[in-house]
Amino acid sequence: MKAKGKAAWTYGSKLGLPVVFICCSFFFLAGFFGSTLLSQDVSGALPTPRLLDEVDGGKYNTLPQGETGDDFVSSIPFQVLSWKPRALYFPNFATAEQCQSIIKMAEANLRPSTLALRKGETAENTKGIRTSSGTFISASEDKTGILDLIEKKIAMATMIPSTHGEAFNVLRYEIGQRYNSHYDAFNPAEYGPQKSQRVHACSSFLMKPLSIDALC
């Protein structure tokens, strides 16, 4: 027992207390930082998404564009609300001033909203289904250029050319007015020929206080 105790003391004396203290401190710090890294949530290690104009000062090496492309990089912030059905939220897509300008433009032309009628249906027996008022405005009719600007922005957000879209449908709902559940596509066998027809996988943009439908 004495020999073992003496051997252990001799071994410690050879290393020296300063060396032992430094080694212990090193391993303590290594363990502390290692445990801190391991305890972090995985999502916290992922980079925080940033808008394009916040990265590298907004400077990019753009590629040569095609005949219908752009020579700049753009970013439109959005939030995925649902994948099935797909629903995206675009905050501040249009400014309040732009919306007010469109409302003023549409006010004079607002008329009671109409319905596509099946065979045997009349305006009289379907008058409670849709009670709003509205009008259609084309970007080519807007001398301010606001609708053209929004139309191009919708095209970038949906990746659908603006030529595939219909005119802007501006709707006004007073308190208590409604539009019951309905289809945006019409079976010619039931409704007859239609001036326009929404196809599967169309995109609709709803802008408060506007309703803008994009036909694809």
Protein backbone atom coordinates (compact mmCIF):
# COMPACT_ATOMS: atom_id res chain seq x y z
CA MET A 1 0.00 0.00 0.00
CA LYS A 2 2.80 2.40 0.85
CA ALA A 3 4.65 1.57 -2.35
CA LYS A 4 1.61 2.30 -4.48
CA GLY A 5 0.96 5.60 -2.70
CA LYS A 6 4.54 6.60 -3.12
CA ALA A 7 4.51 5.70 -6.80
CA ALA A 8 1.40 7.78 -7.46
CA TRP A 9 2.84 10.79 -5.62
CA THR A 10 6.09 10.46 -7.50
CA TYR A 11 4.25 10.42 -10.86
CA GLY A 12 2.32 13.55 -9.97
CA SER A 13 5.45 15.28 -8.81
CA LYS A 14 7.16 14.58 -12.12
CA LEU A 15 4.32 16.25 -14.10
CA GLY A 16 4.23 19.27 -11.84
CA LEU A 17 1.13 21.00 -10.54
CA PRO A 18 1.11 23.79 -13.17
CA VAL A 19 1.04 21.24 -16.00
CA VAL A 20 -1.77 19.27 -14.38
CA PHE A 21 -3.78 22.46 -13.83
CA ILE A 22 -3.35 23.55 -17.46
CA CYS A 23 -4.42 20.12 -18.76
CA CYS A 24 -7.52 20.07 -16.55
CA SER A 25 -8.45 23.58 -17.65
CA PHE A 26 -8.04 22.63 -21.30
CA PHE A 27 -10.27 19.57 -21.06
CA PHE A 28 -12.86 21.50 -19.06
CA LEU A 29 -13.10 24.25 -21.66
CA ALA A 30 -13.19 21.73 -24.52
CA GLY A 31 -16.00 19.82 -22.86
CA PHE A 32 -17.94 22.99 -22.08
CA PHE A 33 -17.87 24.35 -25.63
CA GLY A 34 -18.51 20.91 -27.11
CA SER A 35 -21.60 20.36 -24.99
CA THR A 36 -22.86 23.86 -25.88
CA LEU A 37 -22.64 23.13 -29.57
CA LEU A 38 -24.28 19.74 -29.25
CA SER A 39 -27.13 21.09 -27.15
CA GLN A 40 -28.12 23.70 -29.73
CA ASP A 41 -31.32 23.09 -31.66
CA VAL A 42 -30.72 21.92 -35.22
CA SER A 43 -32.95 24.64 -36.65
CA GLY A 44 -30.87 27.24 -34.88
CA ALA A 45 -27.82 26.13 -36.84
CA LEU A 46 -29.53 26.86 -40.16
CA PRO A 47 -28.86 30.25 -41.73
CA THR A 48 -31.65 32.79 -41.37
CA PRO A 49 -33.33 33.50 -44.75
CA ARG A 50 -32.59 36.95 -46.07
CA LEU A 51 -33.99 38.96 -48.89
CA LEU A 52 -31.89 39.18 -52.02
CA ASP A 53 -31.26 42.89 -51.59
CA GLU A 54 -29.79 42.25 -48.14
CA VAL A 55 -27.14 39.78 -49.32
CA ASP A 56 -23.82 41.04 -50.65
CA GLY A 57 -25.24 44.53 -50.97
CA GLY A 58 -27.72 43.39 -53.60
CA LYS A 59 -25.01 42.86 -56.22
CA TYR A 60 -25.16 39.72 -58.37
CA ASN A 61 -23.49 38.35 -61.44
CA THR A 62 -26.58 38.08 -63.64
CA LEU A 63 -26.73 35.73 -66.62
CA PRO A 64 -27.55 36.76 -70.20
CA GLN A 65 -31.36 36.89 -70.50
CA GLY A 66 -33.49 35.62 -73.35
CA GLU A 67 -35.68 37.72 -75.62
CA THR A 68 -38.42 37.86 -72.97
CA GLY A 69 -36.24 37.79 -69.83
CA ASP A 70 -34.94 40.39 -67.40
CA ASP A 71 -31.44 41.75 -66.87
CA PHE A 72 -31.86 41.99 -63.09
CA VAL A 73 -32.45 39.78 -60.04
CA SER A 74 -35.75 40.34 -58.24
CA SER A 75 -37.17 39.23 -54.91
CA ILE A 76 -40.84 39.08 -53.84
CA PRO A 77 -41.19 38.03 -50.18
CA PHE A 78 -43.90 35.46 -49.48
CA GLN A 79 -45.13 33.05 -46.81
CA VAL A 80 -46.44 29.54 -47.54
CA LEU A 81 -49.81 29.26 -45.77
CA SER A 82 -50.69 25.84 -47.18
CA TRP A 83 -49.26 23.33 -49.65
CA LYS A 84 -52.52 21.39 -50.17
CA PRO A 85 -54.37 23.42 -51.31
CA ARG A 86 -51.51 25.73 -52.23
CA ALA A 87 -51.90 29.18 -50.73
CA LEU A 88 -49.21 31.85 -50.52
CA TYR A 89 -49.26 35.18 -48.72
CA PHE A 90 -47.41 38.12 -50.30
CA PRO A 91 -47.13 40.92 -47.71
CA ASN A 92 -47.31 44.48 -49.05
CA PHE A 93 -47.74 43.23 -52.62
CA ALA A 94 -49.34 46.56 -53.54
CA THR A 95 -49.16 49.80 -51.64
CA ALA A 96 -52.20 51.44 -50.03
CA GLU A 97 -51.85 54.32 -52.50
CA GLN A 98 -51.96 51.91 -55.46
CA CYS A 99 -55.07 50.20 -54.10
CA GLN A 100 -56.84 53.50 -53.54
CA SER A 101 -56.00 54.59 -57.08
CA ILE A 102 -57.53 51.39 -58.50
CA ILE A 103 -60.65 51.76 -56.34
CA LYS A 104 -61.13 55.32 -57.56
CA MET A 105 -60.66 54.14 -61.13
CA ALA A 106 -63.30 51.41 -60.76
CA GLU A 107 -65.96 53.23 -58.72
CA ALA A 108 -67.73 54.85 -61.66
CA ASN A 109 -68.13 51.52 -63.46
CA LEU A 110 -69.33 49.31 -60.58
CA ARG A 111 -72.39 47.25 -61.51
CA PRO A 112 -74.26 44.40 -59.78
CA SER A 113 -72.17 41.24 -60.09
CA THR A 114 -73.47 38.67 -62.57
CA LEU A 115 -73.53 34.87 -62.65
CA ALA A 116 -72.96 32.27 -65.32
CA LEU A 117 -76.37 30.58 -65.53
CA ARG A 118 -77.15 26.93 -66.14
CA LYS A 119 -79.94 25.91 -68.44
CA GLY A 120 -83.20 26.73 -66.71
CA GLU A 121 -81.67 29.30 -64.33
CA THR A 122 -82.58 32.98 -64.50
CA ALA A 123 -81.31 36.16 -62.89
CA GLU A 124 -84.48 36.22 -60.80
CA ASN A 125 -84.20 32.77 -59.19
CA THR A 126 -80.44 33.15 -58.57
CA LYS A 127 -80.34 36.73 -57.31
CA GLY A 128 -79.45 35.77 -53.72
CA ILE A 129 -76.32 33.82 -54.66
CA ARG A 130 -74.10 36.80 -55.46
CA THR A 131 -74.96 40.20 -54.07
CA SER A 132 -71.76 42.21 -54.60
CA SER A 133 -70.98 44.81 -57.22
CA GLY A 134 -67.95 44.91 -59.46
CA THR A 135 -66.29 45.68 -62.76
CA PHE A 136 -63.42 44.51 -64.94
CA ILE A 137 -60.50 46.80 -65.76
CA SER A 138 -57.73 46.03 -68.23
CA ALA A 139 -54.20 47.26 -67.70
CA SER A 140 -54.34 48.81 -71.17
CA GLU A 141 -57.16 51.09 -69.96
CA ASP A 142 -55.15 52.42 -67.01
CA LYS A 143 -53.32 55.60 -67.95
CA THR A 144 -51.50 55.70 -64.59
CA GLY A 145 -49.61 52.49 -65.34
CA ILE A 146 -50.39 51.03 -61.88
CA LEU A 147 -52.29 48.00 -63.22
CA ASP A 148 -49.51 47.26 -65.68
CA LEU A 149 -46.97 47.35 -62.84
CA ILE A 150 -49.06 45.02 -60.65
CA GLU A 151 -49.74 42.72 -63.60
CA LYS A 152 -46.02 42.30 -64.24
CA LYS A 153 -45.42 41.64 -60.55
CA ILE A 154 -48.13 38.95 -60.54
CA ALA A 155 -46.48 37.36 -63.57
CA MET A 156 -43.14 37.21 -61.73
CA ALA A 157 -44.73 35.77 -58.58
CA THR A 158 -46.72 33.07 -60.40
CA MET A 159 -44.24 32.44 -63.22
CA ILE A 160 -47.20 32.77 -65.61
CA PRO A 161 -47.01 35.31 -68.47
CA SER A 162 -49.40 38.24 -68.11
CA THR A 163 -50.81 37.37 -71.54
CA HIS A 164 -52.42 34.32 -69.91
CA GLY A 165 -54.38 36.48 -67.46
CA GLU A 166 -57.78 38.07 -67.62
CA ALA A 167 -58.64 41.66 -66.80
CA PHE A 168 -58.58 42.85 -63.19
CA ASN A 169 -61.86 42.09 -61.44
CA VAL A 170 -62.54 44.80 -58.86
CA LEU A 171 -65.29 43.76 -56.42
CA ARG A 172 -67.05 45.65 -53.65
CA TYR A 173 -68.88 43.88 -50.83
CA GLU A 174 -71.07 45.94 -48.54
CA ILE A 175 -71.81 44.65 -45.02
CA GLY A 176 -74.01 41.57 -45.35
CA GLN A 177 -73.28 40.99 -49.04
CA ARG A 178 -71.91 37.64 -50.16
CA TYR A 179 -70.97 35.21 -52.88
CA ASN A 180 -72.03 31.66 -52.11
CA SER A 181 -69.81 28.65 -52.92
CA HIS A 182 -69.24 28.45 -56.64
CA TYR A 183 -67.03 27.03 -59.38
CA ASP A 184 -64.64 29.12 -61.44
CA ALA A 185 -64.76 26.64 -64.32
CA PHE A 186 -67.91 25.99 -66.32
CA ASN A 187 -68.98 22.80 -68.07
CA PRO A 188 -70.19 23.86 -71.56
CA ALA A 189 -72.80 21.10 -71.44
CA GLU A 190 -74.41 22.82 -68.43
CA TYR A 191 -73.57 26.49 -68.97
CA GLY A 192 -73.20 26.72 -72.73
CA PRO A 193 -70.37 28.63 -74.47
CA GLN A 194 -68.38 31.02 -72.25
CA LYS A 195 -66.43 34.15 -73.20
CA SER A 196 -63.60 33.08 -70.91
CA GLN A 197 -62.83 29.84 -69.14
CA ARG A 198 -60.57 29.17 -66.18
CA VAL A 199 -58.55 26.01 -66.61
CA HIS A 200 -57.16 23.63 -63.98
CA ALA A 201 -54.42 24.99 -61.71
CA CYS A 202 -55.28 28.64 -62.23
CA SER A 203 -53.82 31.26 -59.92
CA SER A 204 -55.92 33.83 -58.08
CA PHE A 205 -54.51 36.91 -56.40
CA LEU A 206 -56.67 38.46 -53.71
CA MET A 207 -55.61 41.96 -52.73
CA LYS A 208 -57.27 43.82 -49.88
CA PRO A 209 -59.43 45.67 -50.57
CA LEU A 210 -59.25 44.25 -54.09
CA SER A 211 -59.91 40.90 -55.73
CA ILE A 212 -57.60 40.19 -58.64
CA ASP A 213 -57.92 36.91 -60.54
CA ALA A 214 -55.12 35.65 -62.78
CA LEU A 215 -56.16 33.19 -65.47
CA CYS A 216 -53.56 30.60 -66.45
